Amino acid sequence: MKKTVLSLIAALTALSVSAQTGLKKVYDEDANPIAQIDQAVGKAKAEDKFVVCQVGGNWCPWCLRFADFIARDSTIAKVIDDNFVYIHVNYNPRKAEGEKAQQGAELMKRLDNCGRFGFPVFVVLDAEGRVLHIQDSSFLEESMPVAGESTKGGAPAEYYDQKKVMRFFSNWTPKVVRR
């Protein structure tokens, strides 16, 4: 009985890891997050845009799902491209030691402790690098169906709601904020 349970757990773990590895890893785990933000702010200033920091990591399936979601939606991608310098800022508090732990602490201080909302979390910065808004990603998710219900004609459920995501990005463009 024990062997059967252990085999089942091993199989489920393998399936979970397999599902996550199907998504493109978008976070540079070796990058200095403060330098990454500073570079994005400089670019945003030169292009008259804002910065959106998607804070999370390759360890976070929801982070990778969001990156995949916006890459596949041309309408959202256009709004982002026209208005923001979009960066994936790696943060992994569980594996941070030494210099990485110090960088993580500096990152949370710089981004107004955005990690309190969970991951991914989105931080909108103006062209001077000031925090304008912190967006909890749970408010961008699609309502999940009741068990047994089909979604979108039987297709796998999306995880994020296109209208909610568009509303978030559209409400934080430089043009709208500066009105």
N, C-alpha and C. Protein backbone atom coordinates (compact mmCIF):
# COMPACT_ATOMS: atom_id res chain seq x y z
N MET A 1 0.82 -1.19 0.00
CA MET A 1 0.00 0.00 0.00
C MET A 1 0.87 1.26 0.00
N LYS A 2 1.93 1.22 0.84
CA LYS A 2 2.83 2.36 0.90
C LYS A 2 3.49 2.63 -0.44
N LYS A 3 3.90 1.56 -1.13
CA LYS A 3 4.54 1.70 -2.43
C LYS A 3 3.59 2.31 -3.45
N THR A 4 2.32 1.92 -3.39
CA THR A 4 1.33 2.46 -4.31
C THR A 4 1.14 3.95 -4.08
N VAL A 5 1.04 4.36 -2.83
CA VAL A 5 0.87 5.77 -2.49
C VAL A 5 2.09 6.57 -2.93
N LEU A 6 3.28 6.04 -2.65
CA LEU A 6 4.51 6.73 -3.05
C LEU A 6 4.62 6.83 -4.57
N SER A 7 4.23 5.79 -5.27
CA SER A 7 4.24 5.82 -6.73
C SER A 7 3.28 6.87 -7.27
N LEU A 8 2.10 6.94 -6.66
CA LEU A 8 1.10 7.93 -7.07
C LEU A 8 1.61 9.35 -6.83
N ILE A 9 2.22 9.58 -5.69
CA ILE A 9 2.77 10.90 -5.38
C ILE A 9 3.88 11.26 -6.37
N ALA A 10 4.74 10.30 -6.67
CA ALA A 10 5.82 10.55 -7.62
C ALA A 10 5.27 10.87 -9.01
N ALA A 11 4.25 10.17 -9.42
CA ALA A 11 3.64 10.41 -10.74
C ALA A 11 3.01 11.80 -10.80
N LEU A 12 2.29 12.17 -9.76
CA LEU A 12 1.65 13.49 -9.72
C LEU A 12 2.70 14.60 -9.70
N THR A 13 3.77 14.41 -8.97
CA THR A 13 4.85 15.39 -8.94
C THR A 13 5.48 15.54 -10.32
N ALA A 14 5.71 14.42 -11.00
CA ALA A 14 6.29 14.47 -12.35
C ALA A 14 5.36 15.20 -13.31
N LEU A 15 4.06 14.95 -13.21
CA LEU A 15 3.10 15.65 -14.06
C LEU A 15 3.10 17.14 -13.79
N SER A 16 3.15 17.52 -12.53
CA SER A 16 3.16 18.94 -12.16
C SER A 16 4.40 19.64 -12.70
N VAL A 17 5.55 19.02 -12.54
CA VAL A 17 6.80 19.60 -13.03
C VAL A 17 6.75 19.69 -14.55
N SER A 18 6.23 18.66 -15.20
CA SER A 18 6.13 18.65 -16.66
C SER A 18 5.25 19.79 -17.14
N ALA A 19 4.14 20.02 -16.47
CA ALA A 19 3.23 21.10 -16.87
C ALA A 19 3.90 22.45 -16.74
N GLN A 20 4.69 22.64 -15.70
CA GLN A 20 5.37 23.91 -15.50
C GLN A 20 6.49 24.12 -16.50
N THR A 21 7.20 23.07 -16.87
CA THR A 21 8.33 23.23 -17.77
C THR A 21 7.88 23.50 -19.20
N GLY A 22 6.60 23.32 -19.49
CA GLY A 22 6.09 23.63 -20.81
C GLY A 22 6.00 25.12 -21.06
N LEU A 23 6.12 25.92 -20.03
CA LEU A 23 6.06 27.37 -20.15
C LEU A 23 7.46 27.95 -20.23
N LYS A 24 7.60 28.97 -21.04
CA LYS A 24 8.89 29.62 -21.22
C LYS A 24 9.32 30.32 -19.93
N LYS A 25 10.55 30.08 -19.52
CA LYS A 25 11.11 30.75 -18.35
C LYS A 25 11.51 32.16 -18.78
N VAL A 26 11.01 33.16 -18.10
CA VAL A 26 11.20 34.55 -18.53
C VAL A 26 12.04 35.39 -17.56
N TYR A 27 12.37 34.83 -16.42
CA TYR A 27 13.12 35.58 -15.41
C TYR A 27 14.61 35.26 -15.49
N ASP A 28 15.44 36.29 -15.49
CA ASP A 28 16.89 36.12 -15.44
C ASP A 28 17.28 36.02 -13.98
N GLU A 29 17.56 34.82 -13.53
CA GLU A 29 17.84 34.57 -12.12
C GLU A 29 19.19 35.12 -11.68
N ASP A 30 20.04 35.47 -12.64
CA ASP A 30 21.36 36.00 -12.31
C ASP A 30 21.41 37.53 -12.32
N ALA A 31 20.35 38.15 -12.82
CA ALA A 31 20.34 39.62 -12.94
C ALA A 31 20.24 40.28 -11.57
N ASN A 32 20.89 41.43 -11.45
CA ASN A 32 20.74 42.27 -10.27
C ASN A 32 19.42 43.03 -10.46
N PRO A 33 18.43 42.79 -9.62
CA PRO A 33 17.12 43.40 -9.84
C PRO A 33 17.13 44.93 -9.79
N ILE A 34 17.97 45.51 -8.95
CA ILE A 34 18.02 46.97 -8.84
C ILE A 34 18.61 47.55 -10.12
N ALA A 35 19.67 46.95 -10.62
CA ALA A 35 20.28 47.41 -11.88
C ALA A 35 19.30 47.22 -13.03
N GLN A 36 18.56 46.13 -13.02
CA GLN A 36 17.56 45.86 -14.06
C GLN A 36 16.48 46.95 -14.06
N ILE A 37 16.02 47.32 -12.89
CA ILE A 37 14.99 48.37 -12.78
C ILE A 37 15.57 49.71 -13.22
N ASP A 38 16.78 50.03 -12.76
CA ASP A 38 17.42 51.30 -13.15
C ASP A 38 17.55 51.42 -14.67
N GLN A 39 17.95 50.33 -15.31
CA GLN A 39 18.08 50.33 -16.77
C GLN A 39 16.71 50.54 -17.43
N ALA A 40 15.68 49.88 -16.93
CA ALA A 40 14.33 50.03 -17.49
C ALA A 40 13.81 51.45 -17.30
N VAL A 41 14.09 52.05 -16.15
CA VAL A 41 13.66 53.43 -15.89
C VAL A 41 14.34 54.39 -16.86
N GLY A 42 15.62 54.19 -17.11
CA GLY A 42 16.33 55.03 -18.08
C GLY A 42 15.72 54.91 -19.46
N LYS A 43 15.40 53.71 -19.86
CA LYS A 43 14.78 53.48 -21.17
C LYS A 43 13.39 54.11 -21.22
N ALA A 44 12.62 53.95 -20.15
CA ALA A 44 11.27 54.51 -20.10
C ALA A 44 11.31 56.04 -20.20
N LYS A 45 12.26 56.65 -19.53
CA LYS A 45 12.40 58.10 -19.58
C LYS A 45 12.71 58.56 -21.00
N ALA A 46 13.60 57.85 -21.67
CA ALA A 46 13.98 58.21 -23.04
C ALA A 46 12.83 58.02 -24.03
N GLU A 47 11.95 57.06 -23.74
CA GLU A 47 10.84 56.74 -24.65
C GLU A 47 9.50 57.31 -24.20
N ASP A 48 9.49 58.10 -23.12
CA ASP A 48 8.27 58.68 -22.57
C ASP A 48 7.23 57.59 -22.24
N LYS A 49 7.70 56.58 -21.52
CA LYS A 49 6.85 55.46 -21.10
C LYS A 49 6.95 55.29 -19.60
N PHE A 50 6.18 54.37 -19.07
CA PHE A 50 6.30 53.94 -17.69
C PHE A 50 6.94 52.55 -17.70
N VAL A 51 7.31 52.07 -16.52
CA VAL A 51 7.88 50.74 -16.36
C VAL A 51 6.85 49.87 -15.65
N VAL A 52 6.71 48.64 -16.11
CA VAL A 52 5.95 47.65 -15.36
C VAL A 52 6.93 46.55 -14.97
N CYS A 53 7.06 46.34 -13.67
CA CYS A 53 7.89 45.26 -13.15
C CYS A 53 6.96 44.10 -12.80
N GLN A 54 7.11 42.98 -13.48
CA GLN A 54 6.39 41.77 -13.09
C GLN A 54 7.34 41.04 -12.16
N VAL A 55 7.06 41.10 -10.87
CA VAL A 55 7.93 40.52 -9.86
C VAL A 55 7.47 39.10 -9.56
N GLY A 56 8.41 38.18 -9.61
CA GLY A 56 8.12 36.77 -9.36
C GLY A 56 9.35 35.96 -9.70
N GLY A 57 9.15 34.81 -10.32
CA GLY A 57 10.29 34.00 -10.70
C GLY A 57 9.89 32.79 -11.51
N ASN A 58 10.90 32.13 -12.05
CA ASN A 58 10.66 30.92 -12.82
C ASN A 58 10.10 29.80 -11.96
N TRP A 59 10.21 29.92 -10.66
CA TRP A 59 9.68 28.95 -9.70
C TRP A 59 8.16 29.07 -9.57
N CYS A 60 7.58 30.14 -10.08
CA CYS A 60 6.17 30.47 -9.87
C CYS A 60 5.34 30.18 -11.12
N PRO A 61 4.53 29.12 -11.12
CA PRO A 61 3.75 28.80 -12.32
C PRO A 61 2.81 29.92 -12.73
N TRP A 62 2.24 30.65 -11.77
CA TRP A 62 1.34 31.76 -12.11
C TRP A 62 2.09 32.88 -12.82
N CYS A 63 3.34 33.09 -12.44
CA CYS A 63 4.16 34.11 -13.10
C CYS A 63 4.40 33.74 -14.56
N LEU A 64 4.73 32.47 -14.80
CA LEU A 64 5.00 32.01 -16.15
C LEU A 64 3.72 31.99 -16.98
N ARG A 65 2.61 31.65 -16.34
CA ARG A 65 1.32 31.66 -17.05
C ARG A 65 0.96 33.07 -17.49
N PHE A 66 1.21 34.06 -16.63
CA PHE A 66 0.89 35.44 -17.01
C PHE A 66 1.76 35.89 -18.17
N ALA A 67 3.04 35.59 -18.12
CA ALA A 67 3.95 35.96 -19.21
C ALA A 67 3.48 35.34 -20.52
N ASP A 68 3.08 34.09 -20.47
CA ASP A 68 2.58 33.40 -21.65
C ASP A 68 1.27 34.03 -22.13
N PHE A 69 0.40 34.35 -21.19
CA PHE A 69 -0.90 34.95 -21.51
C PHE A 69 -0.74 36.26 -22.28
N ILE A 70 0.10 37.16 -21.79
CA ILE A 70 0.24 38.45 -22.46
C ILE A 70 1.00 38.33 -23.78
N ALA A 71 1.88 37.34 -23.88
CA ALA A 71 2.61 37.14 -25.13
C ALA A 71 1.67 36.65 -26.24
N ARG A 72 0.65 35.90 -25.87
CA ARG A 72 -0.28 35.34 -26.85
C ARG A 72 -1.42 36.28 -27.21
N ASP A 73 -1.62 37.34 -26.45
CA ASP A 73 -2.73 38.26 -26.72
C ASP A 73 -2.18 39.52 -27.39
N SER A 74 -2.41 39.66 -28.68
CA SER A 74 -1.82 40.77 -29.43
C SER A 74 -2.35 42.13 -29.00
N THR A 75 -3.59 42.19 -28.54
CA THR A 75 -4.15 43.47 -28.09
C THR A 75 -3.44 43.95 -26.83
N ILE A 76 -3.28 43.06 -25.87
CA ILE A 76 -2.58 43.41 -24.63
C ILE A 76 -1.12 43.72 -24.94
N ALA A 77 -0.50 42.90 -25.78
CA ALA A 77 0.91 43.11 -26.12
C ALA A 77 1.14 44.48 -26.74
N LYS A 78 0.21 44.94 -27.55
CA LYS A 78 0.34 46.25 -28.18
C LYS A 78 0.24 47.37 -27.14
N VAL A 79 -0.72 47.28 -26.24
CA VAL A 79 -0.86 48.30 -25.18
C VAL A 79 0.42 48.35 -24.35
N ILE A 80 0.96 47.20 -24.02
CA ILE A 80 2.20 47.16 -23.24
C ILE A 80 3.34 47.78 -24.04
N ASP A 81 3.51 47.36 -25.27
CA ASP A 81 4.61 47.84 -26.09
C ASP A 81 4.54 49.35 -26.33
N ASP A 82 3.33 49.87 -26.51
CA ASP A 82 3.17 51.30 -26.79
C ASP A 82 3.37 52.19 -25.55
N ASN A 83 3.21 51.63 -24.35
CA ASN A 83 3.17 52.47 -23.16
C ASN A 83 4.16 52.14 -22.06
N PHE A 84 4.75 50.95 -22.12
CA PHE A 84 5.56 50.51 -20.98
C PHE A 84 6.87 49.87 -21.42
N VAL A 85 7.84 49.95 -20.53
CA VAL A 85 9.01 49.10 -20.59
C VAL A 85 8.67 47.99 -19.59
N TYR A 86 8.50 46.80 -20.09
CA TYR A 86 8.01 45.68 -19.29
C TYR A 86 9.17 44.77 -18.94
N ILE A 87 9.38 44.54 -17.65
CA ILE A 87 10.49 43.68 -17.23
C ILE A 87 10.01 42.62 -16.24
N HIS A 88 10.68 41.49 -16.29
CA HIS A 88 10.43 40.41 -15.35
C HIS A 88 11.54 40.48 -14.30
N VAL A 89 11.17 40.80 -13.08
CA VAL A 89 12.14 40.99 -12.01
C VAL A 89 12.12 39.76 -11.11
N ASN A 90 13.24 39.05 -11.10
CA ASN A 90 13.33 37.82 -10.33
C ASN A 90 13.41 38.10 -8.83
N TYR A 91 12.58 37.36 -8.09
CA TYR A 91 12.61 37.43 -6.63
C TYR A 91 12.28 36.04 -6.11
N ASN A 92 13.18 35.48 -5.34
CA ASN A 92 12.95 34.16 -4.77
C ASN A 92 13.44 34.16 -3.33
N PRO A 93 12.56 34.55 -2.40
CA PRO A 93 12.99 34.67 -1.00
C PRO A 93 13.42 33.35 -0.38
N ARG A 94 12.95 32.25 -0.89
CA ARG A 94 13.28 30.94 -0.30
C ARG A 94 14.70 30.49 -0.63
N LYS A 95 15.23 30.96 -1.74
CA LYS A 95 16.57 30.53 -2.15
C LYS A 95 17.60 31.64 -2.01
N ALA A 96 17.21 32.75 -1.43
CA ALA A 96 18.12 33.90 -1.34
C ALA A 96 19.09 33.73 -0.17
N GLU A 97 20.35 33.83 -0.50
CA GLU A 97 21.41 33.80 0.51
C GLU A 97 22.45 34.84 0.13
N GLY A 98 23.13 35.38 1.12
CA GLY A 98 24.23 36.31 0.87
C GLY A 98 23.82 37.51 0.05
N GLU A 99 24.51 37.70 -1.07
CA GLU A 99 24.27 38.87 -1.93
C GLU A 99 22.84 38.86 -2.48
N LYS A 100 22.32 37.69 -2.85
CA LYS A 100 20.95 37.60 -3.39
C LYS A 100 19.92 38.00 -2.32
N ALA A 101 20.16 37.64 -1.08
CA ALA A 101 19.25 38.03 0.00
C ALA A 101 19.27 39.55 0.18
N GLN A 102 20.45 40.14 0.10
CA GLN A 102 20.57 41.59 0.22
C GLN A 102 19.86 42.28 -0.95
N GLN A 103 20.05 41.76 -2.17
CA GLN A 103 19.38 42.33 -3.33
C GLN A 103 17.86 42.20 -3.19
N GLY A 104 17.40 41.07 -2.68
CA GLY A 104 15.97 40.87 -2.47
C GLY A 104 15.39 41.87 -1.48
N ALA A 105 16.13 42.13 -0.41
CA ALA A 105 15.68 43.10 0.58
C ALA A 105 15.64 44.51 -0.02
N GLU A 106 16.67 44.85 -0.80
CA GLU A 106 16.69 46.16 -1.48
C GLU A 106 15.54 46.28 -2.48
N LEU A 107 15.27 45.19 -3.18
CA LEU A 107 14.18 45.18 -4.16
C LEU A 107 12.84 45.44 -3.48
N MET A 108 12.58 44.75 -2.40
CA MET A 108 11.29 44.93 -1.70
C MET A 108 11.17 46.36 -1.15
N LYS A 109 12.28 46.91 -0.66
CA LYS A 109 12.26 48.29 -0.17
C LYS A 109 11.98 49.25 -1.33
N ARG A 110 12.65 49.04 -2.44
CA ARG A 110 12.49 49.92 -3.61
C ARG A 110 11.07 49.88 -4.17
N LEU A 111 10.45 48.70 -4.12
CA LEU A 111 9.12 48.53 -4.71
C LEU A 111 8.02 48.48 -3.64
N ASP A 112 8.22 49.20 -2.57
CA ASP A 112 7.21 49.35 -1.51
C ASP A 112 6.66 48.03 -0.98
N ASN A 113 7.55 47.08 -0.75
CA ASN A 113 7.20 45.78 -0.20
C ASN A 113 6.07 45.11 -0.99
N CYS A 114 6.21 45.12 -2.29
CA CYS A 114 5.17 44.57 -3.18
C CYS A 114 4.91 43.09 -2.97
N GLY A 115 5.86 42.36 -2.40
CA GLY A 115 5.69 40.93 -2.18
C GLY A 115 4.57 40.58 -1.24
N ARG A 116 4.06 41.55 -0.51
CA ARG A 116 2.97 41.28 0.42
C ARG A 116 1.70 40.83 -0.30
N PHE A 117 1.63 41.05 -1.61
CA PHE A 117 0.45 40.68 -2.38
C PHE A 117 0.57 39.29 -3.01
N GLY A 118 1.70 38.64 -2.87
CA GLY A 118 1.92 37.36 -3.52
C GLY A 118 2.52 37.56 -4.89
N PHE A 119 2.63 36.47 -5.65
CA PHE A 119 3.31 36.53 -6.94
C PHE A 119 2.49 35.85 -8.01
N PRO A 120 2.54 36.35 -9.23
CA PRO A 120 3.25 37.57 -9.60
C PRO A 120 2.56 38.79 -9.02
N VAL A 121 3.33 39.83 -8.91
CA VAL A 121 2.81 41.14 -8.52
C VAL A 121 3.38 42.13 -9.52
N PHE A 122 2.59 43.13 -9.87
CA PHE A 122 2.98 44.09 -10.89
C PHE A 122 3.15 45.45 -10.24
N VAL A 123 4.30 46.09 -10.51
CA VAL A 123 4.57 47.41 -9.97
C VAL A 123 4.77 48.36 -11.14
N VAL A 124 3.94 49.41 -11.16
CA VAL A 124 4.05 50.42 -12.21
C VAL A 124 4.91 51.55 -11.66
N LEU A 125 5.97 51.88 -12.40
CA LEU A 125 6.87 52.97 -12.03
C LEU A 125 6.76 54.07 -13.08
N ASP A 126 6.88 55.32 -12.64
CA ASP A 126 6.92 56.40 -13.61
C ASP A 126 8.34 56.49 -14.19
N ALA A 127 8.55 57.44 -15.07
CA ALA A 127 9.85 57.57 -15.75
C ALA A 127 10.96 58.05 -14.82
N GLU A 128 10.62 58.38 -13.60
CA GLU A 128 11.63 58.75 -12.59
C GLU A 128 11.91 57.58 -11.65
N GLY A 129 11.18 56.48 -11.82
CA GLY A 129 11.38 55.30 -10.98
C GLY A 129 10.54 55.28 -9.72
N ARG A 130 9.59 56.20 -9.61
CA ARG A 130 8.70 56.22 -8.44
C ARG A 130 7.56 55.22 -8.62
N VAL A 131 7.21 54.55 -7.53
CA VAL A 131 6.10 53.60 -7.57
C VAL A 131 4.79 54.37 -7.70
N LEU A 132 4.04 54.06 -8.76
CA LEU A 132 2.72 54.66 -8.97
C LEU A 132 1.61 53.74 -8.48
N HIS A 133 1.81 52.44 -8.68
CA HIS A 133 0.74 51.49 -8.37
C HIS A 133 1.33 50.10 -8.20
N ILE A 134 0.75 49.35 -7.28
CA ILE A 134 1.08 47.93 -7.11
C ILE A 134 -0.20 47.15 -7.38
N GLN A 135 -0.12 46.21 -8.33
CA GLN A 135 -1.29 45.44 -8.73
C GLN A 135 -1.18 44.00 -8.25
N ASP A 136 -2.10 43.62 -7.40
CA ASP A 136 -2.24 42.25 -6.94
C ASP A 136 -2.78 41.43 -8.12
N SER A 137 -2.06 40.42 -8.55
CA SER A 137 -2.46 39.66 -9.74
C SER A 137 -3.74 38.86 -9.54
N SER A 138 -4.11 38.57 -8.31
CA SER A 138 -5.33 37.79 -8.12
C SER A 138 -6.57 38.51 -8.64
N PHE A 139 -6.50 39.84 -8.73
CA PHE A 139 -7.63 40.60 -9.26
C PHE A 139 -7.69 40.58 -10.78
N LEU A 140 -6.70 39.97 -11.41
CA LEU A 140 -6.66 39.86 -12.86
C LEU A 140 -7.03 38.46 -13.34
N GLU A 141 -7.29 37.58 -12.40
CA GLU A 141 -7.59 36.19 -12.75
C GLU A 141 -9.02 36.03 -13.23
N GLU A 142 -9.19 35.01 -14.03
CA GLU A 142 -10.52 34.64 -14.49
C GLU A 142 -11.19 33.85 -13.39
N SER A 143 -12.48 34.03 -13.25
CA SER A 143 -13.22 33.21 -12.29
C SER A 143 -13.19 31.78 -12.78
N MET A 144 -12.83 30.88 -11.91
CA MET A 144 -12.73 29.48 -12.30
C MET A 144 -14.12 28.85 -12.29
N PRO A 145 -14.37 27.92 -13.20
CA PRO A 145 -15.67 27.27 -13.26
C PRO A 145 -15.89 26.34 -12.08
N VAL A 146 -17.15 26.03 -11.83
CA VAL A 146 -17.49 25.06 -10.81
C VAL A 146 -17.01 23.70 -11.30
N ALA A 147 -16.59 22.85 -10.40
CA ALA A 147 -16.10 21.52 -10.78
C ALA A 147 -17.10 20.82 -11.69
N GLY A 148 -16.59 20.27 -12.77
CA GLY A 148 -17.44 19.55 -13.71
C GLY A 148 -17.95 20.40 -14.86
N GLU A 149 -17.85 21.74 -14.74
CA GLU A 149 -18.31 22.61 -15.82
C GLU A 149 -17.22 22.73 -16.87
N SER A 150 -17.63 22.85 -18.10
CA SER A 150 -16.70 23.04 -19.20
C SER A 150 -16.40 24.53 -19.34
N THR A 151 -15.21 24.85 -19.82
CA THR A 151 -14.87 26.25 -20.06
C THR A 151 -14.59 26.46 -21.53
N LYS A 152 -15.09 27.53 -22.07
CA LYS A 152 -14.80 27.92 -23.45
C LYS A 152 -14.97 26.76 -24.42
N GLY A 153 -16.13 26.15 -24.37
CA GLY A 153 -16.41 25.07 -25.30
C GLY A 153 -15.54 23.85 -25.09
N GLY A 154 -15.10 23.62 -23.87
CA GLY A 154 -14.30 22.45 -23.56
C GLY A 154 -12.81 22.70 -23.60
N ALA A 155 -12.40 23.88 -24.06
CA ALA A 155 -10.97 24.21 -24.11
C ALA A 155 -10.45 24.42 -22.70
N PRO A 156 -9.16 24.23 -22.49
CA PRO A 156 -8.60 24.46 -21.15
C PRO A 156 -8.83 25.91 -20.73
N ALA A 157 -9.10 26.10 -19.46
CA ALA A 157 -9.37 27.44 -18.95
C ALA A 157 -8.13 28.31 -19.04
N GLU A 158 -8.33 29.56 -19.41
CA GLU A 158 -7.27 30.55 -19.27
C GLU A 158 -7.18 30.84 -17.78
N TYR A 159 -6.10 31.40 -17.37
CA TYR A 159 -5.95 31.70 -15.96
C TYR A 159 -6.21 33.17 -15.67
N TYR A 160 -6.02 34.01 -16.68
CA TYR A 160 -6.20 35.44 -16.51
C TYR A 160 -7.32 35.93 -17.42
N ASP A 161 -8.02 36.94 -16.96
CA ASP A 161 -9.16 37.49 -17.68
C ASP A 161 -8.68 38.63 -18.57
N GLN A 162 -8.90 38.52 -19.87
CA GLN A 162 -8.41 39.50 -20.84
C GLN A 162 -8.94 40.90 -20.53
N LYS A 163 -10.21 41.03 -20.19
CA LYS A 163 -10.79 42.35 -19.91
C LYS A 163 -10.18 42.97 -18.65
N LYS A 164 -9.98 42.18 -17.63
CA LYS A 164 -9.39 42.69 -16.39
C LYS A 164 -7.93 43.13 -16.63
N VAL A 165 -7.20 42.33 -17.38
CA VAL A 165 -5.79 42.66 -17.66
C VAL A 165 -5.71 43.93 -18.51
N MET A 166 -6.56 44.01 -19.54
CA MET A 166 -6.59 45.22 -20.38
C MET A 166 -6.94 46.46 -19.55
N ARG A 167 -7.91 46.31 -18.66
CA ARG A 167 -8.31 47.44 -17.81
C ARG A 167 -7.13 47.91 -16.95
N PHE A 168 -6.42 46.97 -16.37
CA PHE A 168 -5.25 47.32 -15.55
C PHE A 168 -4.24 48.12 -16.37
N PHE A 169 -3.80 47.55 -17.50
CA PHE A 169 -2.78 48.24 -18.29
C PHE A 169 -3.30 49.57 -18.85
N SER A 170 -4.52 49.59 -19.33
CA SER A 170 -5.08 50.82 -19.92
C SER A 170 -5.23 51.93 -18.90
N ASN A 171 -5.51 51.60 -17.65
CA ASN A 171 -5.67 52.61 -16.61
C ASN A 171 -4.36 53.16 -16.07
N TRP A 172 -3.24 52.56 -16.45
CA TRP A 172 -1.95 53.01 -15.94
C TRP A 172 -0.99 53.45 -17.03
N THR A 173 -1.51 53.77 -18.21
CA THR A 173 -0.65 54.31 -19.27
C THR A 173 -0.22 55.72 -18.90
N PRO A 174 0.91 56.20 -19.41
CA PRO A 174 1.33 57.57 -19.12
C PRO A 174 0.28 58.61 -19.51
N LYS A 175 -0.36 58.42 -20.65
CA LYS A 175 -1.37 59.37 -21.12
C LYS A 175 -2.53 59.50 -20.12
N VAL A 176 -3.02 58.38 -19.63
CA VAL A 176 -4.15 58.39 -18.69
C VAL A 176 -3.73 58.96 -17.34
N VAL A 177 -2.59 58.56 -16.83
CA VAL A 177 -2.13 59.02 -15.52
C VAL A 177 -1.84 60.52 -15.51
N ARG A 178 -1.33 61.03 -16.63
CA ARG A 178 -0.95 62.45 -16.68
C ARG A 178 -2.10 63.38 -16.99
N ARG A 179 -3.29 62.91 -17.21
CA ARG A 179 -4.42 63.78 -17.54
C ARG A 179 -4.63 64.85 -16.51
